[in-house]
Amino acid sequence: MTNFYIKITYKTLFILCLSFMLHSERSWAQRTHAVLEFKDGTQLTGLGKLRGACKIKFRNDENTKAVLYSFEDIKSATIYKGAVKTKYVYLYIAGKKVFRVLEEMEIGAVSLYRTVAHGNHVGMGFGGPGGMGSGGFGPGGFGPGTSFTIENYYVRKEDQDFAHHLGSTHFFSKNFRLAASNYFSDCTALVEKIENKKFRKRDIIAIVEFYNTNCAKK
């Protein structure tokens, strides 16, 4: 009887692994078309996925072995998911003294970039009968918590090789109004809109577009 269950288990695991491998191959082929542009001017076209903080896993096609490339050697990586195209660059962050892989959002006299991080909060309320809310500590035990997304925004002027961290959607991020007013101080009209709260952190794309349209040197 024991051998029978072991055989069943091995068979099930084999089927699950095979299914996962086939699904992975389909995912590579259907959703991760990528173009890598290296600092030496060469270019590769194939399939790619971001891996870790500063690497990309790349293969020429679904039949070739994947290679892990570092962004230290890459000028840009463009990844296509269906009709959506996302370009990533590797820039030095002023003040932070680090390099980061940034998603390109707007290009111009001032360019805008971001990083996106996803996670989950641990439930902190009291759950169960007589509790307050759901999940967390208390008679009801631990809850699943809530998911969150944090976006960090970076800006770079076209004559610079580095980017500045401008703000974050995180609650405890630095004063965005002050940081943005200082960075765009050469554009009085824009600073006034930021100071008067006509432009807020959520309008970061509009802020950059306003600067590039109205204040950039022609």
N, C-alpha and C. Protein backbone atom coordinates (compact mmCIF):
# COMPACT_ATOMS: atom_id res chain seq x y z
N MET A 1 0.83 -1.21 0.00
CA MET A 1 0.00 0.00 0.00
C MET A 1 0.87 1.27 0.00
N THR A 2 1.95 1.20 0.83
CA THR A 2 2.84 2.37 0.91
C THR A 2 3.50 2.66 -0.42
N ASN A 3 4.01 1.60 -1.09
CA ASN A 3 4.64 1.76 -2.39
C ASN A 3 3.68 2.34 -3.41
N PHE A 4 2.41 1.93 -3.31
CA PHE A 4 1.39 2.43 -4.24
C PHE A 4 1.24 3.93 -4.11
N TYR A 5 1.17 4.42 -2.85
CA TYR A 5 1.01 5.85 -2.63
C TYR A 5 2.25 6.63 -3.05
N ILE A 6 3.43 6.02 -2.85
CA ILE A 6 4.66 6.67 -3.27
C ILE A 6 4.68 6.83 -4.77
N LYS A 7 4.23 5.78 -5.52
CA LYS A 7 4.21 5.84 -6.97
C LYS A 7 3.24 6.91 -7.43
N ILE A 8 2.08 6.95 -6.75
CA ILE A 8 1.08 7.96 -7.10
C ILE A 8 1.65 9.36 -6.86
N THR A 9 2.35 9.53 -5.75
CA THR A 9 2.90 10.84 -5.41
C THR A 9 3.95 11.26 -6.42
N TYR A 10 4.87 10.36 -6.76
CA TYR A 10 5.90 10.67 -7.75
C TYR A 10 5.28 11.02 -9.10
N LYS A 11 4.25 10.27 -9.46
CA LYS A 11 3.60 10.52 -10.75
C LYS A 11 2.94 11.90 -10.74
N THR A 12 2.30 12.22 -9.62
CA THR A 12 1.63 13.51 -9.50
C THR A 12 2.63 14.65 -9.57
N LEU A 13 3.76 14.49 -8.86
CA LEU A 13 4.79 15.51 -8.88
C LEU A 13 5.36 15.70 -10.28
N PHE A 14 5.56 14.60 -10.99
CA PHE A 14 6.09 14.67 -12.35
C PHE A 14 5.14 15.45 -13.25
N ILE A 15 3.84 15.14 -13.13
CA ILE A 15 2.84 15.83 -13.95
C ILE A 15 2.81 17.32 -13.63
N LEU A 16 2.88 17.66 -12.31
CA LEU A 16 2.85 19.05 -11.90
C LEU A 16 4.07 19.81 -12.40
N CYS A 17 5.25 19.17 -12.30
CA CYS A 17 6.48 19.80 -12.77
C CYS A 17 6.45 20.01 -14.28
N LEU A 18 5.96 18.99 -15.01
CA LEU A 18 5.88 19.11 -16.46
C LEU A 18 4.92 20.22 -16.85
N SER A 19 3.79 20.29 -16.14
CA SER A 19 2.81 21.34 -16.42
C SER A 19 3.41 22.71 -16.17
N PHE A 20 4.18 22.85 -15.06
CA PHE A 20 4.81 24.13 -14.73
C PHE A 20 5.82 24.53 -15.80
N MET A 21 6.61 23.55 -16.26
CA MET A 21 7.61 23.83 -17.29
C MET A 21 6.97 24.29 -18.58
N LEU A 22 5.89 23.61 -18.96
CA LEU A 22 5.19 23.99 -20.19
C LEU A 22 4.58 25.37 -20.06
N HIS A 23 4.02 25.65 -18.87
CA HIS A 23 3.42 26.96 -18.64
C HIS A 23 4.49 28.04 -18.70
N SER A 24 5.67 27.75 -18.10
CA SER A 24 6.77 28.72 -18.12
C SER A 24 7.21 29.01 -19.54
N GLU A 25 7.31 27.97 -20.38
CA GLU A 25 7.72 28.17 -21.77
C GLU A 25 6.70 29.03 -22.50
N ARG A 26 5.41 28.77 -22.25
CA ARG A 26 4.37 29.57 -22.91
C ARG A 26 4.47 31.02 -22.46
N SER A 27 4.74 31.23 -21.15
CA SER A 27 4.86 32.59 -20.62
C SER A 27 6.02 33.32 -21.27
N TRP A 28 7.16 32.65 -21.39
CA TRP A 28 8.31 33.26 -22.06
C TRP A 28 7.94 33.67 -23.48
N ALA A 29 7.27 32.75 -24.19
CA ALA A 29 7.00 32.97 -25.61
C ALA A 29 5.94 34.04 -25.83
N GLN A 30 4.94 34.10 -24.95
CA GLN A 30 3.78 34.95 -25.21
C GLN A 30 3.87 36.33 -24.58
N ARG A 31 4.60 36.48 -23.48
CA ARG A 31 4.46 37.72 -22.72
C ARG A 31 5.74 38.49 -22.46
N THR A 32 6.88 37.95 -22.83
CA THR A 32 8.10 38.60 -22.39
C THR A 32 9.07 38.91 -23.53
N HIS A 33 8.57 39.32 -24.64
CA HIS A 33 9.45 39.76 -25.72
C HIS A 33 10.28 40.92 -25.19
N ALA A 34 11.58 40.89 -25.44
CA ALA A 34 12.47 41.91 -24.88
C ALA A 34 13.56 42.31 -25.86
N VAL A 35 14.01 43.55 -25.71
CA VAL A 35 15.13 44.07 -26.49
C VAL A 35 16.14 44.64 -25.51
N LEU A 36 17.38 44.12 -25.55
CA LEU A 36 18.45 44.61 -24.70
C LEU A 36 19.42 45.44 -25.52
N GLU A 37 19.72 46.63 -25.04
CA GLU A 37 20.71 47.48 -25.69
C GLU A 37 21.89 47.61 -24.73
N PHE A 38 23.05 47.13 -25.13
CA PHE A 38 24.22 47.13 -24.27
C PHE A 38 25.01 48.43 -24.41
N LYS A 39 25.85 48.70 -23.41
CA LYS A 39 26.63 49.93 -23.40
C LYS A 39 27.66 49.98 -24.52
N ASP A 40 28.03 48.81 -25.05
CA ASP A 40 29.01 48.78 -26.15
C ASP A 40 28.34 48.96 -27.51
N GLY A 41 27.01 49.19 -27.51
CA GLY A 41 26.30 49.43 -28.76
C GLY A 41 25.62 48.22 -29.36
N THR A 42 25.92 47.02 -28.87
CA THR A 42 25.29 45.82 -29.40
C THR A 42 23.86 45.70 -28.87
N GLN A 43 23.07 44.89 -29.55
CA GLN A 43 21.65 44.74 -29.21
C GLN A 43 21.23 43.29 -29.35
N LEU A 44 20.37 42.84 -28.44
CA LEU A 44 19.83 41.49 -28.49
C LEU A 44 18.31 41.56 -28.46
N THR A 45 17.68 40.73 -29.26
CA THR A 45 16.22 40.65 -29.27
C THR A 45 15.81 39.22 -28.95
N GLY A 46 14.91 39.06 -28.01
CA GLY A 46 14.48 37.72 -27.63
C GLY A 46 13.41 37.77 -26.55
N LEU A 47 13.61 36.99 -25.49
CA LEU A 47 12.66 36.90 -24.39
C LEU A 47 13.37 37.25 -23.09
N GLY A 48 12.75 38.08 -22.26
CA GLY A 48 13.43 38.49 -21.04
C GLY A 48 12.50 38.77 -19.88
N LYS A 49 13.04 38.58 -18.66
CA LYS A 49 12.32 38.88 -17.44
C LYS A 49 13.29 39.49 -16.44
N LEU A 50 12.83 40.50 -15.69
CA LEU A 50 13.66 41.08 -14.64
C LEU A 50 13.87 40.05 -13.54
N ARG A 51 15.09 40.03 -13.00
CA ARG A 51 15.41 39.11 -11.91
C ARG A 51 16.19 39.86 -10.84
N GLY A 52 15.64 39.90 -9.64
CA GLY A 52 16.30 40.59 -8.55
C GLY A 52 16.33 42.09 -8.76
N ALA A 53 17.28 42.76 -8.11
CA ALA A 53 17.33 44.21 -8.13
C ALA A 53 17.95 44.78 -9.39
N CYS A 54 18.89 44.07 -10.02
CA CYS A 54 19.60 44.68 -11.16
C CYS A 54 20.05 43.66 -12.20
N LYS A 55 19.25 42.65 -12.42
CA LYS A 55 19.58 41.64 -13.43
C LYS A 55 18.37 41.34 -14.30
N ILE A 56 18.63 40.78 -15.47
CA ILE A 56 17.56 40.37 -16.36
C ILE A 56 17.89 38.99 -16.92
N LYS A 57 16.91 38.11 -16.88
CA LYS A 57 17.07 36.77 -17.42
C LYS A 57 16.62 36.80 -18.88
N PHE A 58 17.50 36.38 -19.78
CA PHE A 58 17.24 36.56 -21.21
C PHE A 58 17.59 35.29 -21.98
N ARG A 59 16.79 35.02 -22.99
CA ARG A 59 17.08 33.94 -23.93
C ARG A 59 16.70 34.39 -25.33
N ASN A 60 17.40 33.89 -26.32
CA ASN A 60 17.14 34.30 -27.70
C ASN A 60 15.76 33.89 -28.17
N ASP A 61 15.32 32.69 -27.78
CA ASP A 61 13.97 32.21 -28.08
C ASP A 61 13.63 31.13 -27.07
N GLU A 62 12.41 30.56 -27.18
CA GLU A 62 11.96 29.59 -26.18
C GLU A 62 12.73 28.28 -26.21
N ASN A 63 13.56 28.08 -27.22
CA ASN A 63 14.31 26.83 -27.35
C ASN A 63 15.76 26.93 -26.89
N THR A 64 16.19 28.12 -26.50
CA THR A 64 17.59 28.30 -26.08
C THR A 64 17.68 28.49 -24.57
N LYS A 65 18.85 28.25 -24.04
CA LYS A 65 19.08 28.36 -22.60
C LYS A 65 19.14 29.82 -22.18
N ALA A 66 18.54 30.12 -21.04
CA ALA A 66 18.51 31.49 -20.54
C ALA A 66 19.87 31.90 -19.98
N VAL A 67 20.19 33.19 -20.15
CA VAL A 67 21.43 33.78 -19.63
C VAL A 67 21.06 34.94 -18.72
N LEU A 68 21.77 35.07 -17.61
CA LEU A 68 21.50 36.15 -16.67
C LEU A 68 22.47 37.31 -16.94
N TYR A 69 21.93 38.47 -17.33
CA TYR A 69 22.74 39.65 -17.61
C TYR A 69 22.59 40.67 -16.48
N SER A 70 23.66 41.38 -16.19
CA SER A 70 23.62 42.45 -15.19
C SER A 70 23.36 43.79 -15.87
N PHE A 71 22.59 44.64 -15.22
CA PHE A 71 22.32 45.96 -15.77
C PHE A 71 23.56 46.84 -15.77
N GLU A 72 24.62 46.40 -15.13
CA GLU A 72 25.87 47.16 -15.18
C GLU A 72 26.41 47.21 -16.61
N ASP A 73 26.03 46.23 -17.43
CA ASP A 73 26.49 46.18 -18.82
C ASP A 73 25.41 46.62 -19.82
N ILE A 74 24.23 46.94 -19.31
CA ILE A 74 23.09 47.23 -20.18
C ILE A 74 22.73 48.72 -20.14
N LYS A 75 22.56 49.33 -21.30
CA LYS A 75 22.12 50.71 -21.38
C LYS A 75 20.62 50.81 -21.14
N SER A 76 19.87 49.88 -21.73
CA SER A 76 18.43 49.85 -21.51
C SER A 76 17.88 48.47 -21.84
N ALA A 77 16.75 48.14 -21.22
CA ALA A 77 16.04 46.90 -21.51
C ALA A 77 14.57 47.24 -21.71
N THR A 78 14.05 46.86 -22.85
CA THR A 78 12.64 47.12 -23.14
C THR A 78 11.90 45.79 -23.14
N ILE A 79 10.89 45.68 -22.30
CA ILE A 79 10.13 44.44 -22.16
C ILE A 79 8.69 44.69 -22.59
N TYR A 80 8.20 43.79 -23.43
CA TYR A 80 6.83 43.90 -23.96
C TYR A 80 5.94 42.85 -23.31
N LYS A 81 4.80 43.28 -22.79
CA LYS A 81 3.78 42.36 -22.28
C LYS A 81 2.51 42.67 -23.05
N GLY A 82 2.28 41.89 -24.11
CA GLY A 82 1.18 42.19 -25.01
C GLY A 82 1.49 43.50 -25.72
N ALA A 83 0.55 44.45 -25.65
CA ALA A 83 0.74 45.73 -26.32
C ALA A 83 1.44 46.75 -25.43
N VAL A 84 1.74 46.36 -24.19
CA VAL A 84 2.36 47.29 -23.24
C VAL A 84 3.88 47.17 -23.31
N LYS A 85 4.54 48.30 -23.51
CA LYS A 85 5.99 48.35 -23.60
C LYS A 85 6.55 49.11 -22.40
N THR A 86 7.50 48.49 -21.70
CA THR A 86 8.13 49.12 -20.55
C THR A 86 9.64 49.12 -20.73
N LYS A 87 10.23 50.31 -20.60
CA LYS A 87 11.67 50.45 -20.77
C LYS A 87 12.33 50.68 -19.42
N TYR A 88 13.43 49.97 -19.18
CA TYR A 88 14.17 50.09 -17.93
C TYR A 88 15.59 50.56 -18.21
N VAL A 89 16.06 51.46 -17.35
CA VAL A 89 17.43 51.96 -17.46
C VAL A 89 18.11 51.85 -16.10
N TYR A 90 19.43 51.93 -16.12
CA TYR A 90 20.22 51.77 -14.91
C TYR A 90 20.92 53.09 -14.62
N LEU A 91 20.49 53.79 -13.57
CA LEU A 91 21.00 55.13 -13.30
C LEU A 91 21.52 55.27 -11.87
N TYR A 92 22.49 56.15 -11.73
CA TYR A 92 23.02 56.49 -10.42
C TYR A 92 22.05 57.46 -9.75
N ILE A 93 21.76 57.23 -8.47
CA ILE A 93 20.83 58.08 -7.74
C ILE A 93 21.62 59.05 -6.86
N ALA A 94 21.52 60.34 -7.19
CA ALA A 94 22.24 61.37 -6.44
C ALA A 94 21.76 61.38 -4.98
N GLY A 95 22.70 61.52 -4.06
CA GLY A 95 22.35 61.56 -2.65
C GLY A 95 22.28 60.18 -2.02
N LYS A 96 21.79 59.20 -2.78
CA LYS A 96 21.69 57.83 -2.29
C LYS A 96 23.00 57.08 -2.49
N LYS A 97 23.80 57.52 -3.47
CA LYS A 97 25.08 56.91 -3.81
C LYS A 97 24.93 55.43 -4.18
N VAL A 98 23.88 55.15 -4.94
CA VAL A 98 23.63 53.78 -5.42
C VAL A 98 23.14 53.85 -6.86
N PHE A 99 23.24 52.74 -7.58
CA PHE A 99 22.63 52.60 -8.89
C PHE A 99 21.32 51.82 -8.72
N ARG A 100 20.32 52.18 -9.51
CA ARG A 100 19.05 51.46 -9.46
C ARG A 100 18.50 51.27 -10.87
N VAL A 101 17.75 50.17 -11.04
CA VAL A 101 17.03 49.94 -12.28
C VAL A 101 15.71 50.70 -12.18
N LEU A 102 15.50 51.63 -13.11
CA LEU A 102 14.32 52.50 -13.07
C LEU A 102 13.46 52.31 -14.31
N GLU A 103 12.17 52.37 -14.09
CA GLU A 103 11.21 52.30 -15.21
C GLU A 103 11.04 53.70 -15.81
N GLU A 104 11.22 53.80 -17.09
CA GLU A 104 11.12 55.09 -17.78
C GLU A 104 9.66 55.44 -18.00
N MET A 105 9.25 56.66 -17.55
CA MET A 105 7.86 57.09 -17.68
C MET A 105 7.68 58.24 -18.66
N GLU A 106 8.55 59.24 -18.59
CA GLU A 106 8.49 60.40 -19.47
C GLU A 106 9.91 60.78 -19.88
N ILE A 107 10.08 61.19 -21.14
CA ILE A 107 11.39 61.60 -21.63
C ILE A 107 11.32 63.03 -22.15
N GLY A 108 12.29 63.86 -21.78
CA GLY A 108 12.31 65.24 -22.24
C GLY A 108 13.47 66.00 -21.59
N ALA A 109 13.35 67.32 -21.52
CA ALA A 109 14.36 68.12 -20.85
C ALA A 109 14.54 67.63 -19.42
N VAL A 110 13.42 67.26 -18.81
CA VAL A 110 13.43 66.53 -17.55
C VAL A 110 12.72 65.21 -17.80
N SER A 111 13.38 64.11 -17.47
CA SER A 111 12.79 62.79 -17.65
C SER A 111 12.34 62.25 -16.30
N LEU A 112 11.29 61.44 -16.35
CA LEU A 112 10.69 60.90 -15.13
C LEU A 112 10.83 59.38 -15.11
N TYR A 113 11.19 58.86 -13.95
CA TYR A 113 11.36 57.41 -13.77
C TYR A 113 10.68 56.99 -12.47
N ARG A 114 10.53 55.69 -12.31
CA ARG A 114 9.97 55.20 -11.06
C ARG A 114 10.45 53.77 -10.77
N THR A 115 10.30 53.37 -9.51
CA THR A 115 10.40 51.98 -9.11
C THR A 115 9.08 51.63 -8.45
N VAL A 116 8.67 50.38 -8.56
CA VAL A 116 7.40 49.93 -7.98
C VAL A 116 7.68 48.71 -7.12
N ALA A 117 7.24 48.76 -5.86
CA ALA A 117 7.42 47.64 -4.94
C ALA A 117 6.06 47.21 -4.41
N HIS A 118 5.84 45.90 -4.35
CA HIS A 118 4.58 45.36 -3.84
C HIS A 118 4.86 44.55 -2.57
N GLY A 119 3.89 44.53 -1.65
CA GLY A 119 4.06 43.75 -0.43
C GLY A 119 2.76 43.61 0.32
N ASN A 120 2.84 43.11 1.53
CA ASN A 120 1.67 42.91 2.37
C ASN A 120 1.94 43.40 3.78
N HIS A 121 0.94 44.11 4.35
CA HIS A 121 1.00 44.51 5.75
C HIS A 121 0.53 43.34 6.60
N VAL A 122 1.16 43.13 7.74
CA VAL A 122 0.66 42.14 8.69
C VAL A 122 -0.55 42.75 9.37
N GLY A 123 -1.64 41.95 9.53
CA GLY A 123 -2.85 42.45 10.17
C GLY A 123 -2.57 42.92 11.58
N MET A 124 -3.09 44.09 11.96
CA MET A 124 -2.79 44.65 13.27
C MET A 124 -4.05 44.82 14.13
N GLY A 125 -5.21 44.62 13.56
CA GLY A 125 -6.43 44.79 14.34
C GLY A 125 -6.77 43.54 15.12
N PHE A 126 -7.81 43.58 15.94
CA PHE A 126 -8.27 42.42 16.68
C PHE A 126 -9.32 41.71 15.87
N GLY A 127 -9.20 40.40 15.73
CA GLY A 127 -10.16 39.65 14.93
C GLY A 127 -10.99 38.73 15.79
N GLY A 128 -11.93 38.07 15.17
CA GLY A 128 -12.73 37.08 15.87
C GLY A 128 -13.88 37.71 16.62
N PRO A 129 -14.65 36.88 17.35
CA PRO A 129 -15.81 37.37 18.10
C PRO A 129 -15.42 38.43 19.11
N GLY A 130 -16.12 39.53 19.07
CA GLY A 130 -15.86 40.61 20.02
C GLY A 130 -14.68 41.47 19.63
N GLY A 131 -14.05 41.15 18.50
CA GLY A 131 -12.86 41.90 18.08
C GLY A 131 -13.23 43.13 17.28
N MET A 132 -12.20 43.88 16.94
CA MET A 132 -12.38 45.09 16.15
C MET A 132 -11.80 44.85 14.78
N GLY A 133 -12.60 44.85 13.76
CA GLY A 133 -12.12 44.62 12.41
C GLY A 133 -11.86 43.14 12.20
N SER A 134 -11.03 42.81 11.21
CA SER A 134 -10.74 41.42 10.90
C SER A 134 -9.24 41.23 10.81
N GLY A 135 -8.78 40.07 11.21
CA GLY A 135 -7.37 39.75 11.11
C GLY A 135 -6.57 40.34 12.24
N GLY A 136 -5.29 40.03 12.28
CA GLY A 136 -4.41 40.60 13.28
C GLY A 136 -4.38 39.81 14.57
N PHE A 137 -4.02 40.48 15.67
CA PHE A 137 -3.88 39.81 16.95
C PHE A 137 -5.21 39.75 17.68
N GLY A 138 -5.31 38.85 18.63
CA GLY A 138 -6.52 38.77 19.43
C GLY A 138 -7.15 37.40 19.32
N PRO A 139 -8.39 37.26 19.83
CA PRO A 139 -9.06 35.97 19.84
C PRO A 139 -9.18 35.34 18.47
N GLY A 140 -9.23 36.16 17.43
CA GLY A 140 -9.42 35.62 16.08
C GLY A 140 -8.13 35.15 15.44
N GLY A 141 -6.97 35.37 16.09
CA GLY A 141 -5.70 34.94 15.51
C GLY A 141 -5.20 35.93 14.47
N PHE A 142 -4.30 35.46 13.61
CA PHE A 142 -3.69 36.31 12.60
C PHE A 142 -4.55 36.36 11.35
N GLY A 143 -4.67 37.56 10.77
CA GLY A 143 -5.39 37.71 9.52
C GLY A 143 -4.42 37.78 8.36
N PRO A 144 -4.94 37.84 7.14
CA PRO A 144 -4.09 37.85 5.96
C PRO A 144 -3.37 39.17 5.72
N GLY A 145 -3.80 40.24 6.43
CA GLY A 145 -3.19 41.54 6.18
C GLY A 145 -3.72 42.15 4.90
N THR A 146 -3.13 43.27 4.48
CA THR A 146 -3.57 43.95 3.27
C THR A 146 -2.37 44.18 2.36
N SER A 147 -2.61 44.13 1.08
CA SER A 147 -1.53 44.34 0.12
C SER A 147 -1.31 45.83 -0.09
N PHE A 148 -0.11 46.19 -0.52
CA PHE A 148 0.20 47.59 -0.77
C PHE A 148 1.19 47.70 -1.92
N THR A 149 1.21 48.87 -2.52
CA THR A 149 2.17 49.18 -3.59
C THR A 149 2.81 50.52 -3.28
N ILE A 150 4.14 50.58 -3.36
CA ILE A 150 4.87 51.82 -3.12
C ILE A 150 5.62 52.20 -4.40
N GLU A 151 5.39 53.41 -4.88
CA GLU A 151 6.10 53.91 -6.05
C GLU A 151 7.06 55.01 -5.62
N ASN A 152 8.30 54.91 -6.07
CA ASN A 152 9.29 55.96 -5.85
C ASN A 152 9.54 56.67 -7.17
N TYR A 153 9.56 58.01 -7.15
CA TYR A 153 9.72 58.79 -8.37
C TYR A 153 11.10 59.43 -8.42
N TYR A 154 11.67 59.43 -9.62
CA TYR A 154 13.00 59.98 -9.84
C TYR A 154 12.96 60.88 -11.08
N VAL A 155 13.75 61.95 -11.06
CA VAL A 155 13.81 62.86 -12.20
C VAL A 155 15.27 63.06 -12.61
N ARG A 156 15.46 63.34 -13.88
CA ARG A 156 16.81 63.54 -14.41
C ARG A 156 16.77 64.58 -15.52
N LYS A 157 17.66 65.56 -15.45
CA LYS A 157 17.76 66.55 -16.52
C LYS A 157 18.63 65.98 -17.63
N GLU A 158 18.35 66.39 -18.87
CA GLU A 158 18.95 65.74 -20.03
C GLU A 158 20.46 65.86 -20.12
N ASP A 159 21.05 66.80 -19.41
CA ASP A 159 22.51 66.94 -19.43
C ASP A 159 23.16 66.22 -18.25
N GLN A 160 22.39 65.42 -17.53
CA GLN A 160 22.91 64.72 -16.36
C GLN A 160 22.90 63.20 -16.57
N ASP A 161 23.87 62.52 -15.96
CA ASP A 161 23.95 61.07 -16.02
C ASP A 161 23.36 60.42 -14.77
N PHE A 162 22.83 61.23 -13.88
CA PHE A 162 22.28 60.71 -12.63
C PHE A 162 20.86 61.23 -12.42
N ALA A 163 20.14 60.57 -11.53
CA ALA A 163 18.75 60.94 -11.25
C ALA A 163 18.61 61.38 -9.79
N HIS A 164 17.57 62.17 -9.52
CA HIS A 164 17.26 62.62 -8.17
C HIS A 164 15.97 61.95 -7.70
N HIS A 165 15.96 61.49 -6.46
CA HIS A 165 14.73 60.94 -5.88
C HIS A 165 13.84 62.12 -5.51
N LEU A 166 12.63 62.16 -6.08
CA LEU A 166 11.75 63.31 -5.88
C LEU A 166 10.68 63.04 -4.83
N GLY A 167 10.28 61.79 -4.68
CA GLY A 167 9.23 61.50 -3.72
C GLY A 167 8.74 60.08 -3.83
N SER A 168 7.83 59.73 -2.94
CA SER A 168 7.32 58.37 -2.88
C SER A 168 5.85 58.40 -2.50
N THR A 169 5.12 57.36 -2.86
CA THR A 169 3.72 57.24 -2.44
C THR A 169 3.64 56.72 -1.00
N HIS A 170 4.78 56.37 -0.41
CA HIS A 170 4.80 55.90 0.97
C HIS A 170 4.42 57.04 1.90
N PHE A 171 3.67 56.71 2.93
CA PHE A 171 3.15 57.73 3.85
C PHE A 171 4.27 58.54 4.49
N PHE A 172 5.39 57.88 4.78
CA PHE A 172 6.48 58.55 5.49
C PHE A 172 7.55 59.11 4.56
N SER A 173 7.21 59.35 3.31
CA SER A 173 8.20 59.91 2.38
C SER A 173 8.47 61.37 2.71
N LYS A 174 9.55 61.90 2.15
CA LYS A 174 9.93 63.28 2.44
C LYS A 174 8.91 64.25 1.84
N ASN A 175 9.00 65.50 2.24
CA ASN A 175 8.07 66.53 1.80
C ASN A 175 8.17 66.73 0.29
N PHE A 176 7.18 66.24 -0.43
CA PHE A 176 7.22 66.30 -1.89
C PHE A 176 7.15 67.74 -2.39
N ARG A 177 6.31 68.55 -1.77
CA ARG A 177 6.15 69.93 -2.25
C ARG A 177 7.47 70.69 -2.17
N LEU A 178 8.19 70.50 -1.08
CA LEU A 178 9.48 71.19 -0.92
C LEU A 178 10.51 70.65 -1.91
N ALA A 179 10.58 69.33 -2.04
CA ALA A 179 11.55 68.72 -2.95
C ALA A 179 11.29 69.12 -4.39
N ALA A 180 10.01 69.11 -4.81
CA ALA A 180 9.65 69.45 -6.18
C ALA A 180 9.88 70.94 -6.46
N SER A 181 9.56 71.79 -5.49
CA SER A 181 9.76 73.24 -5.67
C SER A 181 11.24 73.56 -5.83
N ASN A 182 12.08 72.87 -5.06
CA ASN A 182 13.53 73.10 -5.17
C ASN A 182 14.07 72.60 -6.51
N TYR A 183 13.61 71.43 -6.92
CA TYR A 183 14.14 70.85 -8.16
C TYR A 183 13.74 71.66 -9.38
N PHE A 184 12.49 72.16 -9.39
CA PHE A 184 11.99 72.92 -10.55
C PHE A 184 12.05 74.43 -10.28
N SER A 185 13.01 74.87 -9.48
CA SER A 185 13.08 76.28 -9.07
C SER A 185 13.32 77.23 -10.23
N ASP A 186 13.79 76.73 -11.37
CA ASP A 186 14.01 77.60 -12.53
C ASP A 186 12.74 77.80 -13.34
N CYS A 187 11.62 77.28 -12.85
CA CYS A 187 10.33 77.44 -13.54
C CYS A 187 9.32 78.03 -12.54
N THR A 188 9.27 79.36 -12.49
CA THR A 188 8.44 80.06 -11.50
C THR A 188 6.96 79.67 -11.58
N ALA A 189 6.44 79.55 -12.80
CA ALA A 189 5.02 79.22 -12.97
C ALA A 189 4.71 77.84 -12.39
N LEU A 190 5.62 76.91 -12.57
CA LEU A 190 5.41 75.56 -12.05
C LEU A 190 5.52 75.54 -10.53
N VAL A 191 6.49 76.24 -9.98
CA VAL A 191 6.66 76.30 -8.53
C VAL A 191 5.41 76.87 -7.87
N GLU A 192 4.83 77.89 -8.49
CA GLU A 192 3.60 78.49 -7.94
C GLU A 192 2.47 77.46 -7.90
N LYS A 193 2.35 76.66 -8.95
CA LYS A 193 1.29 75.64 -8.98
C LYS A 193 1.54 74.56 -7.93
N ILE A 194 2.80 74.25 -7.68
CA ILE A 194 3.12 73.25 -6.66
C ILE A 194 2.86 73.81 -5.27
N GLU A 195 3.28 75.06 -5.03
CA GLU A 195 3.09 75.70 -3.73
C GLU A 195 1.61 75.93 -3.43
N ASN A 196 0.81 76.24 -4.46
CA ASN A 196 -0.62 76.47 -4.28
C ASN A 196 -1.44 75.18 -4.30
N LYS A 197 -0.73 74.05 -4.41
CA LYS A 197 -1.33 72.72 -4.40
C LYS A 197 -2.24 72.45 -5.59
N LYS A 198 -2.02 73.21 -6.68
CA LYS A 198 -2.73 72.88 -7.91
C LYS A 198 -2.11 71.64 -8.53
N PHE A 199 -0.83 71.46 -8.27
CA PHE A 199 -0.12 70.24 -8.62
C PHE A 199 0.31 69.56 -7.34
N ARG A 200 -0.07 68.30 -7.17
CA ARG A 200 0.33 67.53 -6.00
C ARG A 200 1.17 66.34 -6.43
N LYS A 201 1.54 65.53 -5.46
CA LYS A 201 2.38 64.37 -5.74
C LYS A 201 1.74 63.46 -6.79
N ARG A 202 0.43 63.30 -6.72
CA ARG A 202 -0.26 62.42 -7.66
C ARG A 202 -0.22 62.96 -9.10
N ASP A 203 0.15 64.23 -9.25
CA ASP A 203 0.22 64.86 -10.57
C ASP A 203 1.65 64.89 -11.11
N ILE A 204 2.48 63.97 -10.66
CA ILE A 204 3.89 64.00 -11.01
C ILE A 204 4.13 64.00 -12.52
N ILE A 205 3.35 63.22 -13.26
CA ILE A 205 3.52 63.20 -14.72
C ILE A 205 3.16 64.56 -15.31
N ALA A 206 2.06 65.15 -14.85
CA ALA A 206 1.64 66.46 -15.34
C ALA A 206 2.68 67.53 -14.98
N ILE A 207 3.33 67.40 -13.84
CA ILE A 207 4.35 68.35 -13.42
C ILE A 207 5.53 68.33 -14.39
N VAL A 208 5.99 67.13 -14.70
CA VAL A 208 7.12 66.99 -15.63
C VAL A 208 6.73 67.47 -17.02
N GLU A 209 5.55 67.14 -17.46
CA GLU A 209 5.08 67.58 -18.79
C GLU A 209 4.97 69.10 -18.84
N PHE A 210 4.48 69.71 -17.76
CA PHE A 210 4.36 71.17 -17.71
C PHE A 210 5.75 71.81 -17.86
N TYR A 211 6.72 71.29 -17.11
CA TYR A 211 8.07 71.83 -17.20
C TYR A 211 8.62 71.69 -18.61
N ASN A 212 8.49 70.52 -19.19
CA ASN A 212 9.06 70.29 -20.53
C ASN A 212 8.39 71.13 -21.60
N THR A 213 7.11 71.43 -21.41
CA THR A 213 6.36 72.23 -22.40
C THR A 213 6.59 73.72 -22.23
N ASN A 214 6.65 74.17 -20.96
CA ASN A 214 6.64 75.61 -20.71
C ASN A 214 7.97 76.21 -20.22
N CYS A 215 8.85 75.40 -19.70
CA CYS A 215 10.03 75.96 -19.06
C CYS A 215 11.36 75.44 -19.61
N ALA A 216 11.33 74.38 -20.37
CA ALA A 216 12.58 73.83 -20.90
C ALA A 216 13.19 74.80 -21.89
N LYS A 217 14.51 74.91 -21.86
CA LYS A 217 15.20 75.77 -22.78
C LYS A 217 15.13 75.20 -24.20
N LYS A 218 14.72 76.02 -25.13
CA LYS A 218 14.57 75.58 -26.52
C LYS A 218 15.93 75.56 -27.23
